[in-house]
């Protein structure tokens, strides 16, 4: 039996009418930004002060998209008679996001917490060469890095926090001892040494 002429048009119009009565689910981007997971992977931010130019991130990157340049500077000795030391100074830190596959290996292997995930994802460019972002741009993205998740109250305290707390308590106790000793001397107290007062000097209680 041959199809009735206009059947396809009627079916199409029926679909159109059903769709017109439903609520629109169109995402109003870019006027309304989509909700993102709390630890979403957008771009990589650089905390430059923590970078020691160990080159571990560049060596472990499977895409070879991290470019680092540095030079050495001589640091004077910390104490008289000591030896001079040399340290690496960061000159360039760039990531080519046209090659990056967002695996996160560079962030995981960084031993000094210099790289972090940022949820920022609006960095499209019209030229592929502009997707190589230098350290100035990577530093700006650090402001968009969310706070780390809260520590479980029932979890064991990290060793780093315990060591830092003990060091802070020890320093505070030493400072309190020095402060008390200084206040005692300022009030005219004299430590008992067992020595007799000098001629013409009044003995102090």
Protein backbone atom coordinates (compact mmCIF):
# COMPACT_ATOMS: atom_id res chain seq x y z
CA UNK A 1 0.00 0.00 0.00
CA UNK A 2 1.55 3.32 -1.02
CA UNK A 3 2.08 5.85 1.79
CA UNK A 4 -0.46 8.57 2.18
CA UNK A 5 0.89 11.85 0.86
CA UNK A 6 1.80 14.28 3.66
CA UNK A 7 2.24 11.62 6.39
CA UNK A 8 5.90 12.51 6.99
CA UNK A 9 5.04 16.19 7.23
CA UNK A 10 2.31 15.48 9.76
CA UNK A 11 4.65 13.41 11.94
CA UNK A 12 7.24 16.17 11.87
CA UNK A 13 4.67 18.78 12.87
CA UNK A 14 3.48 16.53 15.70
CA UNK A 15 7.02 16.32 17.07
CA UNK A 16 7.32 20.10 16.81
CA UNK A 17 4.08 20.65 18.70
CA UNK A 18 5.07 18.25 21.49
CA UNK A 19 8.44 19.97 21.86
CA UNK A 20 6.89 23.43 21.99
CA UNK A 21 4.90 22.52 25.08
CA UNK A 22 7.90 21.25 27.06
CA UNK A 23 10.23 23.32 29.23
CA UNK A 24 13.39 24.43 27.48
CA UNK A 25 16.61 22.82 28.71
CA UNK A 26 18.99 24.92 26.62
CA UNK A 27 22.12 25.93 28.55
CA UNK A 28 22.34 29.72 28.48
CA UNK A 29 26.11 29.74 28.11
CA UNK A 30 28.06 32.06 28.33
CA UNK A 31 25.51 34.22 30.18
CA UNK A 32 25.07 31.44 32.76
CA UNK A 33 28.09 29.36 33.67
CA UNK A 34 27.49 25.63 34.12
CA UNK A 35 27.86 24.10 37.60
CA UNK A 36 31.22 22.38 37.94
CA UNK A 37 32.34 19.60 40.26
CA UNK A 38 34.30 20.86 43.27
CA UNK A 39 37.64 19.45 42.04
CA UNK A 40 37.13 19.72 38.28
CA UNK A 41 40.18 19.78 36.00
CA UNK A 42 40.31 22.98 34.01
CA UNK A 43 43.82 24.41 33.74
CA UNK A 44 46.99 24.10 35.80
CA UNK A 45 47.98 26.93 38.12
CA UNK A 46 51.56 27.61 39.19
CA UNK A 47 52.55 28.63 42.73
CA UNK A 48 55.90 30.01 41.67
CA UNK A 49 57.28 30.53 45.19
CA UNK A 50 57.25 26.76 45.79
CA UNK A 51 58.98 25.80 42.54
CA UNK A 52 62.60 24.67 43.01
CA UNK A 53 63.20 23.91 39.31
CA UNK A 54 63.67 20.22 40.04
CA UNK A 55 62.37 19.48 36.51
CA UNK A 56 60.43 16.46 37.77
CA UNK A 57 57.15 17.63 36.23
CA UNK A 58 58.75 18.21 32.82
CA UNK A 59 60.46 14.80 32.85
CA UNK A 60 57.34 12.89 33.86
CA UNK A 61 54.98 14.68 31.43
CA UNK A 62 53.97 12.11 28.77
CA UNK A 63 53.23 14.87 26.23
CA UNK A 64 56.37 16.93 26.83
CA UNK A 65 54.24 20.07 27.01
CA UNK A 66 56.02 21.72 29.99
CA UNK A 67 58.90 24.08 29.22
CA UNK A 68 61.22 25.22 32.05
CA UNK A 69 64.27 27.48 31.90
CA UNK A 70 66.41 28.47 34.86
CA UNK A 71 69.82 29.72 35.92
CA UNK A 72 71.99 29.28 38.99
CA UNK A 73 72.74 31.98 41.54
CA UNK A 74 75.30 31.95 44.31
CA UNK A 75 73.93 32.40 47.82
CA UNK A 76 76.28 33.84 50.48
CA UNK A 77 77.06 31.62 53.48
CA UNK A 78 74.54 31.62 56.29
CA UNK A 79 77.28 31.97 58.92
CA UNK A 80 80.75 33.52 58.81
CA UNK A 81 83.29 31.05 57.56
CA UNK A 82 80.68 28.91 55.83
CA UNK A 83 80.64 27.86 52.22
CA UNK A 84 78.70 29.61 49.50
CA UNK A 85 75.75 27.75 48.10
CA UNK A 86 74.09 27.76 44.69
CA UNK A 87 70.37 27.63 43.97
CA UNK A 88 68.23 27.41 40.87
CA UNK A 89 66.23 30.47 39.89
CA UNK A 90 63.17 30.03 37.66
CA UNK A 91 63.30 32.01 34.42
CA UNK A 92 60.46 30.42 32.45
CA UNK A 93 57.64 28.02 33.21
CA UNK A 94 55.21 27.44 30.37
CA UNK A 95 52.58 24.80 29.56
CA UNK A 96 51.34 24.14 26.03
CA UNK A 97 47.65 23.36 26.55
CA UNK A 98 47.27 22.39 22.90
CA UNK A 99 49.33 19.28 23.77
CA UNK A 100 48.28 18.77 27.39
CA UNK A 101 45.92 15.82 27.91
CA UNK A 102 45.05 16.81 31.52
CA UNK A 103 46.37 13.61 33.04
CA UNK A 104 47.54 15.42 36.19
CA UNK A 105 50.83 13.55 36.44
CA UNK A 106 52.80 16.80 36.81
CA UNK A 107 50.65 17.82 39.78
CA UNK A 108 50.96 14.41 41.45
CA UNK A 109 54.74 14.15 41.12
CA UNK A 110 55.54 17.73 42.22
CA UNK A 111 57.26 17.27 45.61
CA UNK A 112 56.89 20.92 46.64
CA UNK A 113 53.19 21.62 45.88
CA UNK A 114 53.87 24.13 43.13
CA UNK A 115 51.16 22.96 40.68
CA UNK A 116 47.41 22.88 41.30
CA UNK A 117 44.22 22.17 39.38
CA UNK A 118 42.06 25.20 38.61
CA UNK A 119 38.41 24.88 37.49
CA UNK A 120 38.94 27.69 34.95
CA UNK A 121 38.05 26.44 31.47
CA UNK A 122 37.43 29.58 29.41
CA UNK A 123 40.78 30.00 27.71
CA UNK A 124 39.99 29.26 24.05
CA UNK A 125 42.16 31.02 21.47
CA UNK A 126 41.90 31.64 17.75
CA UNK A 127 45.58 30.82 17.25
CA UNK A 128 47.01 27.53 18.50
CA UNK A 129 50.29 29.23 19.40
CA UNK A 130 48.46 31.33 22.00
CA UNK A 131 47.62 28.18 23.98
CA UNK A 132 51.19 28.09 25.32
CA UNK A 133 50.72 29.98 28.58
CA UNK A 134 53.68 31.43 30.42
CA UNK A 135 54.19 31.59 34.17
CA UNK A 136 52.47 34.98 34.52
CA UNK A 137 49.20 33.50 33.27
CA UNK A 138 49.67 30.32 35.26
CA UNK A 139 50.21 32.43 38.39
CA UNK A 140 46.95 34.32 37.77
CA UNK A 141 45.03 31.03 37.70
CA UNK A 142 46.18 30.28 41.25
CA UNK A 143 43.51 32.73 42.45
CA UNK A 144 40.83 30.41 41.04
CA UNK A 145 42.14 27.26 42.77
CA UNK A 146 39.53 26.11 45.34
CA UNK A 147 40.34 25.36 48.94
CA UNK A 148 41.39 21.78 49.67
CA UNK A 149 38.74 19.51 51.18
CA UNK A 150 38.45 19.54 54.95
CA UNK A 151 40.34 16.88 56.88
CA UNK A 152 38.23 14.12 58.36
CA UNK A 153 38.01 14.75 62.13
CA UNK A 154 38.36 11.02 62.79
CA UNK A 155 41.48 10.70 60.63
CA UNK A 156 44.97 10.48 62.06
CA UNK A 157 46.80 13.79 62.21
CA UNK A 158 49.41 14.15 59.45
CA UNK A 159 53.01 13.90 60.60
CA UNK A 160 53.81 17.28 59.08
CA UNK A 161 51.15 19.02 61.18
CA UNK A 162 52.26 17.28 64.35
CA UNK A 163 55.90 18.24 63.75
CA UNK A 164 54.93 21.83 62.96
CA UNK A 165 52.81 22.05 66.11
CA UNK A 166 55.62 20.72 68.31
CA UNK A 167 58.10 23.15 66.76
CA UNK A 168 55.69 26.06 67.30
CA UNK A 169 55.07 25.07 70.94
CA UNK A 170 58.81 24.75 71.57
CA UNK A 171 59.51 28.16 70.01
CA UNK A 172 56.70 29.72 72.04
CA UNK A 173 58.05 28.21 75.27
CA UNK A 174 61.55 29.48 74.53
CA UNK A 175 60.21 32.95 73.73
CA UNK A 176 58.22 32.96 76.98
CA UNK A 177 61.34 31.97 78.96
CA UNK A 178 63.39 34.73 77.38
CA UNK A 179 60.61 37.24 77.95
CA UNK A 180 60.24 36.27 81.63
CA UNK A 181 64.01 36.46 82.15
CA UNK A 182 64.15 39.89 80.54
CA UNK A 183 61.27 41.18 82.65
CA UNK A 184 62.97 39.87 85.81
CA UNK A 185 66.18 41.73 85.01
CA UNK A 186 64.23 44.87 84.18
CA UNK A 187 62.45 44.71 87.57
CA UNK A 188 65.80 44.71 89.39
CA UNK A 189 65.94 41.02 90.18
CA UNK A 190 69.32 39.44 90.32
CA UNK A 191 69.95 35.76 89.81
CA UNK A 192 71.38 34.03 92.84
CA UNK A 193 75.03 33.34 92.04
CA UNK A 194 76.42 32.97 95.58
CA UNK A 195 78.83 35.90 95.11
CA UNK A 196 79.18 38.70 97.65
CA UNK A 197 78.23 42.24 96.60
CA UNK A 198 80.98 44.56 95.52
CA UNK A 199 82.28 47.16 98.00
CA UNK A 200 79.87 50.07 98.29
CA UNK A 201 77.01 48.11 96.70
CA UNK A 202 73.82 47.53 98.61
CA UNK A 203 72.83 43.89 98.81
CA UNK A 204 69.58 43.21 97.00
CA UNK A 205 66.85 41.05 98.42
